[in-house]
Amino acid sequence: MDTTTILQPATWTDVGEPNDFPDGAVWPVVAGGMPIAMFRQGESLHALHDLCTHGNARLSDGYVEDGRIECPLHQGLFDICTGAACGGPVTEDVRSYPVRVRDGRVEVATPLLP
């Protein structure tokens, strides 16, 4: 699991157990008051901001295939590991969040809200 270092003040939020997130699917959660789209790819868990950067659509309503999420509104593609825009019409990356598993629980790190 990813334990990326957070460079700004952040909070780790419990979002469930690893088995709550089926391989190859997307699942909506809330972490730190933010909408998050959770993904499992094999043994790895990933978290993206649950809003397309191109239109007002929830990525958690999209379709996962080949390590990418397809936005349900205009079919733009994002890499589920990095949030990188990888298929038009999207050109702006979506924010990704660090994920870790501690004591059998999945946690997502989000910036502290002001």
Protein backbone atom coordinates (compact mmCIF):
# COMPACT_ATOMS: atom_id res chain seq x y z
CA MET A 1 0.00 0.00 0.00
CA ASP A 2 1.11 3.55 -0.65
CA THR A 3 2.45 5.47 2.33
CA THR A 4 3.39 8.62 0.43
CA THR A 5 4.79 11.43 2.56
CA ILE A 6 2.39 14.32 3.04
CA LEU A 7 4.05 17.69 2.49
CA GLN A 8 1.33 19.79 4.06
CA PRO A 9 -0.69 19.30 7.25
CA ALA A 10 -3.02 16.39 6.66
CA THR A 11 -5.38 14.05 8.40
CA TRP A 12 -5.67 10.29 7.91
CA THR A 13 -9.30 9.16 7.70
CA ASP A 14 -10.50 5.57 8.09
CA VAL A 15 -12.60 4.63 5.05
CA GLY A 16 -13.10 0.89 5.61
CA GLU A 17 -11.45 -2.49 5.32
CA PRO A 18 -9.39 -3.55 2.31
CA ASN A 19 -12.07 -6.07 1.29
CA ASP A 20 -14.63 -3.25 1.08
CA PHE A 21 -12.98 -2.24 -2.22
CA PRO A 22 -13.28 -4.93 -4.92
CA ASP A 23 -10.50 -5.29 -7.47
CA GLY A 24 -11.22 -3.38 -10.69
CA ALA A 25 -14.07 -1.33 -9.25
CA VAL A 26 -14.54 2.22 -7.98
CA TRP A 27 -16.19 3.07 -4.67
CA PRO A 28 -17.23 6.50 -3.33
CA VAL A 29 -16.14 7.46 0.21
CA VAL A 30 -15.70 10.66 2.19
CA ALA A 31 -12.33 11.41 3.80
CA GLY A 32 -11.51 14.64 5.59
CA GLY A 33 -14.81 16.06 4.38
CA MET A 34 -13.82 15.50 0.74
CA PRO A 35 -15.48 13.22 -1.82
CA ILE A 36 -13.03 10.47 -2.74
CA ALA A 37 -13.15 7.74 -5.40
CA MET A 38 -11.41 4.60 -4.08
CA PHE A 39 -9.87 1.98 -6.38
CA ARG A 40 -8.22 -1.40 -5.93
CA GLN A 41 -5.76 -2.67 -8.49
CA GLY A 42 -4.53 -6.07 -7.32
CA GLU A 43 -3.18 -5.52 -3.82
CA SER A 44 -2.81 -1.74 -4.29
CA LEU A 45 -5.40 0.80 -3.18
CA HIS A 46 -5.67 4.26 -4.74
CA ALA A 47 -7.69 7.39 -4.01
CA LEU A 48 -8.65 10.24 -6.35
CA HIS A 49 -10.76 13.33 -5.84
CA ASP A 50 -14.26 12.23 -6.85
CA LEU A 51 -14.93 15.03 -9.34
CA CYS A 52 -13.86 15.20 -12.97
CA THR A 53 -11.70 18.23 -13.79
CA HIS A 54 -13.54 18.70 -17.10
CA GLY A 55 -17.18 18.58 -16.06
CA ASN A 56 -19.30 18.31 -12.97
CA ALA A 57 -19.38 14.50 -12.79
CA ARG A 58 -18.48 12.03 -10.06
CA LEU A 59 -15.68 9.71 -11.11
CA SER A 60 -17.12 7.09 -8.77
CA ASP A 61 -20.00 6.81 -11.28
CA GLY A 62 -17.49 6.02 -14.03
CA TYR A 63 -16.14 2.86 -15.60
CA VAL A 64 -12.79 1.28 -14.61
CA GLU A 65 -10.68 -0.49 -17.22
CA ASP A 66 -6.94 -1.06 -17.73
CA GLY A 67 -5.92 1.06 -14.74
CA ARG A 68 -8.01 4.06 -15.80
CA ILE A 69 -11.33 5.57 -14.79
CA GLU A 70 -13.63 6.88 -17.50
CA CYS A 71 -15.69 9.92 -16.57
CA PRO A 72 -19.40 9.15 -17.04
CA LEU A 73 -20.15 12.60 -18.49
CA HIS A 74 -17.75 13.06 -21.44
CA GLN A 75 -15.71 9.81 -21.30
CA GLY A 76 -12.43 11.51 -20.36
CA LEU A 77 -9.84 9.15 -18.85
CA PHE A 78 -7.70 9.41 -15.72
CA ASP A 79 -4.97 7.09 -14.45
CA ILE A 80 -6.26 5.60 -11.17
CA CYS A 81 -2.76 5.48 -9.62
CA THR A 82 -1.71 9.07 -10.30
CA GLY A 83 -4.81 11.00 -11.36
CA ALA A 84 -3.09 11.96 -14.62
CA ALA A 85 -5.39 12.96 -17.47
CA CYS A 86 -4.80 10.35 -20.17
CA GLY A 87 -7.65 10.70 -22.65
CA GLY A 88 -9.62 13.64 -24.03
CA PRO A 89 -11.51 15.72 -23.54
CA VAL A 90 -9.84 16.00 -20.10
CA THR A 91 -6.54 17.88 -20.02
CA GLU A 92 -6.19 18.64 -16.29
CA ASP A 93 -5.12 15.94 -13.83
CA VAL A 94 -7.38 15.05 -10.92
CA ARG A 95 -5.91 15.14 -7.42
CA SER A 96 -4.69 11.87 -5.94
CA TYR A 97 -4.42 11.13 -2.23
CA PRO A 98 -2.08 8.84 -0.28
CA VAL A 99 -3.58 5.58 0.98
CA ARG A 100 -2.30 3.25 3.68
CA VAL A 101 -3.51 0.19 5.56
CA ARG A 102 -3.05 0.23 9.35
CA ASP A 103 -4.30 -2.44 11.70
CA GLY A 104 -6.47 -3.89 8.93
CA ARG A 105 -8.14 -0.56 8.12
CA VAL A 106 -7.77 1.58 4.98
CA GLU A 107 -6.88 5.23 5.59
CA VAL A 108 -6.76 8.13 3.15
CA ALA A 109 -4.72 11.29 3.81
CA THR A 110 -6.37 14.57 2.92
CA PRO A 111 -5.24 18.15 3.58
CA LEU A 112 -6.56 19.74 6.72
CA LEU A 113 -9.40 22.09 5.86
CA PRO A 114 -8.86 25.71 6.94
